Amino acid sequence: MKTSILIDSELVKEVVKVYRTRAKNSAIEKALRDQIATKKRKSIIKHFGKVEFYDGYDYKSMRQR
């Protein structure tokens, strides 16, 4: 899908520099994908340490083949 948006040219130059690419569109796409992945990871992190297992549950035995 082609979309026209206004983005600060200095910001675009920095993104292109960070992602080491010549194509502006691919650099912006990579930056957006990274941002989405970061947000998803942060939403998962809030659940760490909150899972409670029932008594006698042995997760280590399930990992063995």
PDB file of N, CA and C in Angstrom:
ATOM      1  N   MET A   1       0.849  -1.164   0.000  1.00  0.00           N
ATOM      2  CA  MET A   1       0.000   0.000   0.000  1.00  0.00           C
ATOM      3  C   MET A   1       0.899   1.233   0.000  1.00  0.00           C
ATOM      4  N   LYS A   2       0.662   2.117  -0.866  1.00  0.00           N
ATOM      5  CA  LYS A   2       1.430   3.340  -0.960  1.00  0.00           C
ATOM      6  C   LYS A   2       0.703   4.434  -0.199  1.00  0.00           C
ATOM      7  N   THR A   3       1.462   5.099   0.695  1.00  0.00           N
ATOM      8  CA  THR A   3       0.894   6.158   1.512  1.00  0.00           C
ATOM      9  C   THR A   3       1.835   7.348   1.504  1.00  0.00           C
ATOM     10  N   SER A   4       1.285   8.519   1.385  1.00  0.00           N
ATOM     11  CA  SER A   4       2.090   9.738   1.440  1.00  0.00           C
ATOM     12  C   SER A   4       1.943  10.362   2.817  1.00  0.00           C
ATOM     13  N   ILE A   5       3.079  10.584   3.482  1.00  0.00           N
ATOM     14  CA  ILE A   5       3.057  11.224   4.793  1.00  0.00           C
ATOM     15  C   ILE A   5       4.207  12.227   4.866  1.00  0.00           C
ATOM     16  N   LEU A   6       4.058  13.193   5.733  1.00  0.00           N
ATOM     17  CA  LEU A   6       5.092  14.199   5.941  1.00  0.00           C
ATOM     18  C   LEU A   6       5.931  13.794   7.154  1.00  0.00           C
ATOM     19  N   ILE A   7       7.237  13.621   6.930  1.00  0.00           N
ATOM     20  CA  ILE A   7       8.161  13.269   8.005  1.00  0.00           C
ATOM     21  C   ILE A   7       9.341  14.225   7.916  1.00  0.00           C
ATOM     22  N   ASP A   8       9.808  14.671   9.060  1.00  0.00           N
ATOM     23  CA  ASP A   8      10.950  15.571   9.129  1.00  0.00           C
ATOM     24  C   ASP A   8      12.136  14.958   8.385  1.00  0.00           C
ATOM     25  N   SER A   9      12.710  15.696   7.461  1.00  0.00           N
ATOM     26  CA  SER A   9      13.793  15.171   6.619  1.00  0.00           C
ATOM     27  C   SER A   9      15.032  14.815   7.427  1.00  0.00           C
ATOM     28  N   GLU A  10      15.312  15.553   8.487  1.00  0.00           N
ATOM     29  CA  GLU A  10      16.463  15.223   9.343  1.00  0.00           C
ATOM     30  C   GLU A  10      16.236  13.897  10.063  1.00  0.00           C
ATOM     31  N   LEU A  11      15.017  13.656  10.447  1.00  0.00           N
ATOM     32  CA  LEU A  11      14.668  12.388  11.094  1.00  0.00           C
ATOM     33  C   LEU A  11      14.832  11.225  10.123  1.00  0.00           C
ATOM     34  N   VAL A  12      14.402  11.428   8.904  1.00  0.00           N
ATOM     35  CA  VAL A  12      14.554  10.390   7.870  1.00  0.00           C
ATOM     36  C   VAL A  12      16.030  10.122   7.611  1.00  0.00           C
ATOM     37  N   LYS A  13      16.835  11.161   7.534  1.00  0.00           N
ATOM     38  CA  LYS A  13      18.279  10.982   7.327  1.00  0.00           C
ATOM     39  C   LYS A  13      18.905  10.171   8.455  1.00  0.00           C
ATOM     40  N   GLU A  14      18.465  10.444   9.682  1.00  0.00           N
ATOM     41  CA  GLU A  14      19.004   9.712  10.823  1.00  0.00           C
ATOM     42  C   GLU A  14      18.591   8.242  10.794  1.00  0.00           C
ATOM     43  N   VAL A  15      17.360   7.984  10.422  1.00  0.00           N
ATOM     44  CA  VAL A  15      16.880   6.601  10.319  1.00  0.00           C
ATOM     45  C   VAL A  15      17.659   5.849   9.241  1.00  0.00           C
ATOM     46  N   VAL A  16      17.874   6.482   8.109  1.00  0.00           N
ATOM     47  CA  VAL A  16      18.636   5.864   7.022  1.00  0.00           C
ATOM     48  C   VAL A  16      20.060   5.563   7.491  1.00  0.00           C
ATOM     49  N   LYS A  17      20.631   6.479   8.247  1.00  0.00           N
ATOM     50  CA  LYS A  17      21.984   6.301   8.772  1.00  0.00           C
ATOM     51  C   LYS A  17      22.042   5.152   9.781  1.00  0.00           C
ATOM     52  N   VAL A  18      21.066   5.096  10.673  1.00  0.00           N
ATOM     53  CA  VAL A  18      21.022   4.056  11.701  1.00  0.00           C
ATOM     54  C   VAL A  18      20.863   2.668  11.083  1.00  0.00           C
ATOM     55  N   TYR A  19      20.011   2.562  10.083  1.00  0.00           N
ATOM     56  CA  TYR A  19      19.743   1.261   9.466  1.00  0.00           C
ATOM     57  C   TYR A  19      20.679   0.957   8.291  1.00  0.00           C
ATOM     58  N   ARG A  20      21.581   1.867   8.009  1.00  0.00           N
ATOM     59  CA  ARG A  20      22.611   1.675   6.982  1.00  0.00           C
ATOM     60  C   ARG A  20      22.030   1.205   5.648  1.00  0.00           C
ATOM     61  N   THR A  21      21.107   1.965   5.159  1.00  0.00           N
ATOM     62  CA  THR A  21      20.480   1.651   3.878  1.00  0.00           C
ATOM     63  C   THR A  21      20.374   2.928   3.061  1.00  0.00           C
ATOM     64  N   ARG A  22      20.296   2.783   1.775  1.00  0.00           N
ATOM     65  CA  ARG A  22      20.132   3.955   0.911  1.00  0.00           C
ATOM     66  C   ARG A  22      18.664   4.288   0.691  1.00  0.00           C
ATOM     67  N   ALA A  23      17.841   3.279   0.744  1.00  0.00           N
ATOM     68  CA  ALA A  23      16.412   3.467   0.475  1.00  0.00           C
ATOM     69  C   ALA A  23      15.697   3.991   1.719  1.00  0.00           C
ATOM     70  N   LYS A  24      15.079   5.126   1.581  1.00  0.00           N
ATOM     71  CA  LYS A  24      14.375   5.730   2.706  1.00  0.00           C
ATOM     72  C   LYS A  24      13.192   4.883   3.144  1.00  0.00           C
ATOM     73  N   ASN A  25      12.449   4.364   2.160  1.00  0.00           N
ATOM     74  CA  ASN A  25      11.247   3.606   2.508  1.00  0.00           C
ATOM     75  C   ASN A  25      11.577   2.335   3.289  1.00  0.00           C
ATOM     76  N   SER A  26      12.657   1.636   2.928  1.00  0.00           N
ATOM     77  CA  SER A  26      12.993   0.416   3.667  1.00  0.00           C
ATOM     78  C   SER A  26      13.504   0.744   5.070  1.00  0.00           C
ATOM     79  N   ALA A  27      14.234   1.849   5.211  1.00  0.00           N
ATOM     80  CA  ALA A  27      14.712   2.261   6.531  1.00  0.00           C
ATOM     81  C   ALA A  27      13.542   2.624   7.442  1.00  0.00           C
ATOM     82  N   ILE A  28      12.584   3.350   6.909  1.00  0.00           N
ATOM     83  CA  ILE A  28      11.412   3.727   7.700  1.00  0.00           C
ATOM     84  C   ILE A  28      10.593   2.498   8.059  1.00  0.00           C
ATOM     85  N   GLU A  29      10.439   1.579   7.116  1.00  0.00           N
ATOM     86  CA  GLU A  29       9.691   0.351   7.393  1.00  0.00           C
ATOM     87  C   GLU A  29      10.376  -0.458   8.495  1.00  0.00           C
ATOM     88  N   LYS A  30      11.705  -0.581   8.444  1.00  0.00           N
ATOM     89  CA  LYS A  30      12.439  -1.311   9.484  1.00  0.00           C
ATOM     90  C   LYS A  30      12.267  -0.636  10.836  1.00  0.00           C
ATOM     91  N   ALA A  31      12.335   0.674  10.855  1.00  0.00           N
ATOM     92  CA  ALA A  31      12.169   1.407  12.109  1.00  0.00           C
ATOM     93  C   ALA A  31      10.775   1.193  12.697  1.00  0.00           C
ATOM     94  N   LEU A  32       9.774   1.211  11.848  1.00  0.00           N
ATOM     95  CA  LEU A  32       8.406   0.975  12.323  1.00  0.00           C
ATOM     96  C   LEU A  32       8.244  -0.451  12.851  1.00  0.00           C
ATOM     97  N   ARG A  33       8.810  -1.430  12.137  1.00  0.00           N
ATOM     98  CA  ARG A  33       8.727  -2.821  12.602  1.00  0.00           C
ATOM     99  C   ARG A  33       9.449  -3.000  13.934  1.00  0.00           C
ATOM    100  N   ASP A  34      10.601  -2.366  14.092  1.00  0.00           N
ATOM    101  CA  ASP A  34      11.324  -2.437  15.364  1.00  0.00           C
ATOM    102  C   ASP A  34      10.518  -1.816  16.498  1.00  0.00           C
ATOM    103  N   GLN A  35       9.892  -0.701  16.216  1.00  0.00           N
ATOM    104  CA  GLN A  35       9.084  -0.025  17.231  1.00  0.00           C
ATOM    105  C   GLN A  35       7.908  -0.895  17.666  1.00  0.00           C
ATOM    106  N   ILE A  36       7.258  -1.529  16.719  1.00  0.00           N
ATOM    107  CA  ILE A  36       6.130  -2.413  17.037  1.00  0.00           C
ATOM    108  C   ILE A  36       6.606  -3.600  17.867  1.00  0.00           C
ATOM    109  N   ALA A  37       7.735  -4.200  17.476  1.00  0.00           N
ATOM    110  CA  ALA A  37       8.281  -5.341  18.218  1.00  0.00           C
ATOM    111  C   ALA A  37       8.633  -4.939  19.649  1.00  0.00           C
ATOM    112  N   THR A  38       9.196  -3.755  19.811  1.00  0.00           N
ATOM    113  CA  THR A  38       9.549  -3.271  21.148  1.00  0.00           C
ATOM    114  C   THR A  38       8.309  -3.097  22.006  1.00  0.00           C
ATOM    115  N   LYS A  39       7.279  -2.517  21.456  1.00  0.00           N
ATOM    116  CA  LYS A  39       6.029  -2.319  22.200  1.00  0.00           C
ATOM    117  C   LYS A  39       5.411  -3.655  22.600  1.00  0.00           C
ATOM    118  N   LYS A  40       5.455  -4.640  21.702  1.00  0.00           N
ATOM    119  CA  LYS A  40       4.906  -5.965  22.013  1.00  0.00           C
ATOM    120  C   LYS A  40       5.695  -6.634  23.130  1.00  0.00           C
ATOM    121  N   ARG A  41       7.037  -6.512  23.070  1.00  0.00           N
ATOM    122  CA  ARG A  41       7.859  -7.102  24.133  1.00  0.00           C
ATOM    123  C   ARG A  41       7.550  -6.455  25.476  1.00  0.00           C
ATOM    124  N   LYS A  42       7.385  -5.160  25.488  1.00  0.00           N
ATOM    125  CA  LYS A  42       7.092  -4.459  26.734  1.00  0.00           C
ATOM    126  C   LYS A  42       5.745  -4.890  27.309  1.00  0.00           C
ATOM    127  N   SER A  43       4.791  -5.188  26.439  1.00  0.00           N
ATOM    128  CA  SER A  43       3.485  -5.615  26.946  1.00  0.00           C
ATOM    129  C   SER A  43       3.547  -7.029  27.522  1.00  0.00           C
ATOM    130  N   ILE A  44       4.484  -7.836  27.046  1.00  0.00           N
ATOM    131  CA  ILE A  44       4.644  -9.195  27.572  1.00  0.00           C
ATOM    132  C   ILE A  44       5.405  -9.164  28.896  1.00  0.00           C
ATOM    133  N   ILE A  45       6.377  -8.266  29.018  1.00  0.00           N
ATOM    134  CA  ILE A  45       7.223  -8.197  30.206  1.00  0.00           C
ATOM    135  C   ILE A  45       6.402  -7.979  31.474  1.00  0.00           C
ATOM    136  N   LYS A  46       5.318  -7.258  31.383  1.00  0.00           N
ATOM    137  CA  LYS A  46       4.527  -6.980  32.583  1.00  0.00           C
ATOM    138  C   LYS A  46       3.939  -8.248  33.200  1.00  0.00           C
ATOM    139  N   HIS A  47       3.932  -9.352  32.448  1.00  0.00           N
ATOM    140  CA  HIS A  47       3.383 -10.606  32.962  1.00  0.00           C
ATOM    141  C   HIS A  47       4.434 -11.493  33.627  1.00  0.00           C
ATOM    142  N   PHE A  48       5.725 -11.170  33.474  1.00  0.00           N
ATOM    143  CA  PHE A  48       6.773 -11.984  34.076  1.00  0.00           C
ATOM    144  C   PHE A  48       6.632 -12.007  35.598  1.00  0.00           C
ATOM    145  N   GLY A  49       6.743 -13.199  36.155  1.00  0.00           N
ATOM    146  CA  GLY A  49       6.662 -13.362  37.599  1.00  0.00           C
ATOM    147  C   GLY A  49       5.257 -13.407  38.136  1.00  0.00           C
ATOM    148  N   LYS A  50       4.262 -13.343  37.292  1.00  0.00           N
ATOM    149  CA  LYS A  50       2.877 -13.327  37.744  1.00  0.00           C
ATOM    150  C   LYS A  50       2.149 -14.647  37.500  1.00  0.00           C
ATOM    151  N   VAL A  51       2.833 -15.589  36.852  1.00  0.00           N
ATOM    152  CA  VAL A  51       2.205 -16.882  36.592  1.00  0.00           C
ATOM    153  C   VAL A  51       2.392 -17.763  37.809  1.00  0.00           C
ATOM    154  N   GLU A  52       1.307 -18.286  38.319  1.00  0.00           N
ATOM    155  CA  GLU A  52       1.367 -19.172  39.484  1.00  0.00           C
ATOM    156  C   GLU A  52       1.030 -20.588  39.035  1.00  0.00           C
ATOM    157  N   PHE A  53       1.887 -21.518  39.429  1.00  0.00           N
ATOM    158  CA  PHE A  53       1.676 -22.919  39.093  1.00  0.00           C
ATOM    159  C   PHE A  53       1.036 -23.635  40.273  1.00  0.00           C
ATOM    160  N   TYR A  54       0.300 -24.692  39.999  1.00  0.00           N
ATOM    161  CA  TYR A  54      -0.318 -25.447  41.083  1.00  0.00           C
ATOM    162  C   TYR A  54       0.750 -26.258  41.807  1.00  0.00           C
ATOM    163  N   ASP A  55       0.485 -26.620  43.036  1.00  0.00           N
ATOM    164  CA  ASP A  55       1.428 -27.402  43.832  1.00  0.00           C
ATOM    165  C   ASP A  55       1.714 -28.730  43.154  1.00  0.00           C
ATOM    166  N   GLY A  56       2.957 -29.098  43.133  1.00  0.00           N
ATOM    167  CA  GLY A  56       3.358 -30.356  42.526  1.00  0.00           C
ATOM    168  C   GLY A  56       3.645 -30.271  41.042  1.00  0.00           C
ATOM    169  N   TYR A  57       3.468 -29.122  40.435  1.00  0.00           N
ATOM    170  CA  TYR A  57       3.739 -28.947  39.011  1.00  0.00           C
ATOM    171  C   TYR A  57       5.238 -28.918  38.781  1.00  0.00           C
ATOM    172  N   ASP A  58       5.721 -29.786  37.902  1.00  0.00           N
ATOM    173  CA  ASP A  58       7.150 -29.887  37.638  1.00  0.00           C
ATOM    174  C   ASP A  58       7.414 -29.558  36.173  1.00  0.00           C
ATOM    175  N   TYR A  59       7.668 -28.291  35.908  1.00  0.00           N
ATOM    176  CA  TYR A  59       7.882 -27.863  34.524  1.00  0.00           C
ATOM    177  C   TYR A  59       9.184 -28.404  33.956  1.00  0.00           C
ATOM    178  N   LYS A  60      10.165 -28.693  34.813  1.00  0.00           N
ATOM    179  CA  LYS A  60      11.450 -29.200  34.339  1.00  0.00           C
ATOM    180  C   LYS A  60      11.298 -30.606  33.745  1.00  0.00           C
ATOM    181  N   SER A  61      10.447 -31.416  34.322  1.00  0.00           N
ATOM    182  CA  SER A  61      10.261 -32.778  33.798  1.00  0.00           C
ATOM    183  C   SER A  61       9.586 -32.739  32.422  1.00  0.00           C
ATOM    184  N   MET A  62       8.789 -31.734  32.162  1.00  0.00           N
ATOM    185  CA  MET A  62       8.123 -31.631  30.871  1.00  0.00           C
ATOM    186  C   MET A  62       9.087 -31.229  29.768  1.00  0.00           C
ATOM    187  N   ARG A  63      10.204 -30.584  30.137  1.00  0.00           N
ATOM    188  CA  ARG A  63      11.180 -30.150  29.155  1.00  0.00           C
ATOM    189  C   ARG A  63      12.094 -31.279  28.700  1.00  0.00           C
ATOM    190  N   GLN A  64      12.145 -32.336  29.466  1.00  0.00           N
ATOM    191  CA  GLN A  64      13.009 -33.464  29.108  1.00  0.00           C
ATOM    192  C   GLN A  64      12.325 -34.333  28.075  1.00  0.00           C
ATOM    193  N   ARG A  65      13.143 -34.898  27.201  1.00  0.00           N
ATOM    194  CA  ARG A  65      12.566 -35.763  26.171  1.00  0.00           C
ATOM    195  C   ARG A  65      12.749 -37.191  26.533  1.00  0.00           C
TER     196      ARG A  65
END
